Amino acid sequence: MPEISRFFGIIIRMYYDEHNPPHFHAEYQGNKAVFDLNGNMTKGDLCSRTARKLVREWVDLHSGEIAQNWELAMSDKELKKIDPLD
């Protein structure tokens, strides 16, 4: 699964040929969760309120790029890296 961003120990990934609804995967300290493209956690748990807030902040800053990567993934095209939070 391609890594599209990494920040503050959080790894963001997106699968190719994934199922709807559009989403991405986040991992933090071995904990995994799935988020929709609005930044809402839909499955799993990062076990850190701060990590969830950081993912949400990242989504707010990069929602267009995340949606574009979803379209690329569904077309089996190379995903683009997205800038991390600073």
C-alpha atoms as a PDB file:
ATOM      1  CA  MET A   1       0.000   0.000   0.000  1.00  0.00           C
ATOM      2  CA  PRO A   2       1.623   3.264  -1.088  1.00  0.00           C
ATOM      3  CA  GLU A   3       2.543   5.772   1.582  1.00  0.00           C
ATOM      4  CA  ILE A   4       1.299   9.212   0.591  1.00  0.00           C
ATOM      5  CA  SER A   5       2.360  11.206   3.660  1.00  0.00           C
ATOM      6  CA  ARG A   6       4.117  10.922   7.015  1.00  0.00           C
ATOM      7  CA  PHE A   7       4.135  13.398   9.888  1.00  0.00           C
ATOM      8  CA  PHE A   8       4.625  13.298  13.657  1.00  0.00           C
ATOM      9  CA  GLY A   9       4.900   9.502  13.566  1.00  0.00           C
ATOM     10  CA  ILE A  10       1.629   9.127  11.627  1.00  0.00           C
ATOM     11  CA  ILE A  11       1.782   7.219   8.335  1.00  0.00           C
ATOM     12  CA  ILE A  12      -0.925   7.854   5.736  1.00  0.00           C
ATOM     13  CA  ARG A  13      -1.490   5.217   3.047  1.00  0.00           C
ATOM     14  CA  MET A  14      -3.941   4.554   0.242  1.00  0.00           C
ATOM     15  CA  TYR A  15      -4.577   1.232  -1.532  1.00  0.00           C
ATOM     16  CA  TYR A  16      -4.974   0.684  -5.258  1.00  0.00           C
ATOM     17  CA  ASP A  17      -8.258  -0.903  -6.402  1.00  0.00           C
ATOM     18  CA  GLU A  18      -9.867  -0.146  -3.044  1.00  0.00           C
ATOM     19  CA  HIS A  19     -13.600  -0.308  -2.349  1.00  0.00           C
ATOM     20  CA  ASN A  20     -15.959   2.643  -1.939  1.00  0.00           C
ATOM     21  CA  PRO A  21     -16.612   4.857  -0.068  1.00  0.00           C
ATOM     22  CA  PRO A  22     -13.411   6.851  -0.664  1.00  0.00           C
ATOM     23  CA  HIS A  23     -11.005   6.592   2.261  1.00  0.00           C
ATOM     24  CA  PHE A  24      -7.391   6.334   3.397  1.00  0.00           C
ATOM     25  CA  HIS A  25      -5.556   4.425   6.089  1.00  0.00           C
ATOM     26  CA  ALA A  26      -3.570   5.928   8.966  1.00  0.00           C
ATOM     27  CA  GLU A  27      -1.170   4.231  11.348  1.00  0.00           C
ATOM     28  CA  TYR A  28       0.278   5.582  14.573  1.00  0.00           C
ATOM     29  CA  GLN A  29       2.443   3.565  16.960  1.00  0.00           C
ATOM     30  CA  GLY A  30       1.123   0.285  15.557  1.00  0.00           C
ATOM     31  CA  ASN A  31      -2.532   1.358  15.809  1.00  0.00           C
ATOM     32  CA  LYS A  32      -4.470   1.503  12.553  1.00  0.00           C
ATOM     33  CA  ALA A  33      -7.584   3.357  11.472  1.00  0.00           C
ATOM     34  CA  VAL A  34      -9.535   4.169   8.330  1.00  0.00           C
ATOM     35  CA  PHE A  35     -10.680   7.734   7.615  1.00  0.00           C
ATOM     36  CA  ASP A  36     -13.110   9.070   5.045  1.00  0.00           C
ATOM     37  CA  LEU A  37     -11.950  11.934   2.856  1.00  0.00           C
ATOM     38  CA  ASN A  38     -13.494  14.438   5.295  1.00  0.00           C
ATOM     39  CA  GLY A  39     -11.185  13.232   8.053  1.00  0.00           C
ATOM     40  CA  ASN A  40     -13.779  11.241  10.008  1.00  0.00           C
ATOM     41  CA  MET A  41     -12.480   7.996  11.481  1.00  0.00           C
ATOM     42  CA  THR A  42     -14.727   5.181  10.239  1.00  0.00           C
ATOM     43  CA  LYS A  43     -12.909   2.057  11.402  1.00  0.00           C
ATOM     44  CA  GLY A  44     -10.169   1.119  13.843  1.00  0.00           C
ATOM     45  CA  ASP A  45      -8.546   3.490  16.314  1.00  0.00           C
ATOM     46  CA  LEU A  46      -5.271   5.383  16.489  1.00  0.00           C
ATOM     47  CA  CYS A  47      -5.544   5.260  20.305  1.00  0.00           C
ATOM     48  CA  SER A  48      -4.488   8.899  20.505  1.00  0.00           C
ATOM     49  CA  ARG A  49      -6.793  11.906  20.450  1.00  0.00           C
ATOM     50  CA  THR A  50      -3.851  14.063  19.362  1.00  0.00           C
ATOM     51  CA  ALA A  51      -3.063  11.769  16.412  1.00  0.00           C
ATOM     52  CA  ARG A  52      -6.723  11.866  15.300  1.00  0.00           C
ATOM     53  CA  LYS A  53      -6.718  15.675  15.507  1.00  0.00           C
ATOM     54  CA  LEU A  54      -3.502  15.853  13.474  1.00  0.00           C
ATOM     55  CA  VAL A  55      -4.967  13.615  10.771  1.00  0.00           C
ATOM     56  CA  ARG A  56      -8.058  15.825  10.665  1.00  0.00           C
ATOM     57  CA  GLU A  57      -5.905  18.963  10.379  1.00  0.00           C
ATOM     58  CA  TRP A  58      -3.908  17.351   7.547  1.00  0.00           C
ATOM     59  CA  VAL A  59      -7.160  16.490   5.718  1.00  0.00           C
ATOM     60  CA  ASP A  60      -8.425  20.060   6.109  1.00  0.00           C
ATOM     61  CA  LEU A  61      -5.241  21.338   4.458  1.00  0.00           C
ATOM     62  CA  HIS A  62      -5.028  18.755   1.665  1.00  0.00           C
ATOM     63  CA  SER A  63      -8.568  17.574   0.896  1.00  0.00           C
ATOM     64  CA  GLY A  64      -8.290  18.253  -2.831  1.00  0.00           C
ATOM     65  CA  GLU A  65      -5.015  16.361  -3.128  1.00  0.00           C
ATOM     66  CA  ILE A  66      -6.393  13.433  -1.132  1.00  0.00           C
ATOM     67  CA  ALA A  67      -9.453  13.219  -3.407  1.00  0.00           C
ATOM     68  CA  GLN A  68      -7.195  13.411  -6.459  1.00  0.00           C
ATOM     69  CA  ASN A  69      -5.103  10.532  -5.121  1.00  0.00           C
ATOM     70  CA  TRP A  70      -8.272   8.471  -4.599  1.00  0.00           C
ATOM     71  CA  GLU A  71      -9.142   8.958  -8.283  1.00  0.00           C
ATOM     72  CA  LEU A  72      -5.596   8.003  -9.286  1.00  0.00           C
ATOM     73  CA  ALA A  73      -5.748   4.875  -7.123  1.00  0.00           C
ATOM     74  CA  MET A  74      -9.078   3.839  -8.639  1.00  0.00           C
ATOM     75  CA  SER A  75      -7.516   4.232 -12.103  1.00  0.00           C
ATOM     76  CA  ASP A  76      -4.472   2.202 -11.003  1.00  0.00           C
ATOM     77  CA  LYS A  77      -2.188   5.190 -11.579  1.00  0.00           C
ATOM     78  CA  GLU A  78       0.768   6.300  -9.494  1.00  0.00           C
ATOM     79  CA  LEU A  79      -0.212   8.210  -6.357  1.00  0.00           C
ATOM     80  CA  LYS A  80       1.318  11.555  -5.503  1.00  0.00           C
ATOM     81  CA  LYS A  81       3.040  12.364  -2.218  1.00  0.00           C
ATOM     82  CA  ILE A  82       1.184  14.927  -0.117  1.00  0.00           C
ATOM     83  CA  ASP A  83       3.034  17.383   2.076  1.00  0.00           C
ATOM     84  CA  PRO A  84       3.086  16.552   5.764  1.00  0.00           C
ATOM     85  CA  LEU A  85       2.048  18.860   8.575  1.00  0.00           C
ATOM     86  CA  ASP A  86       4.876  21.088   9.732  1.00  0.00           C
END
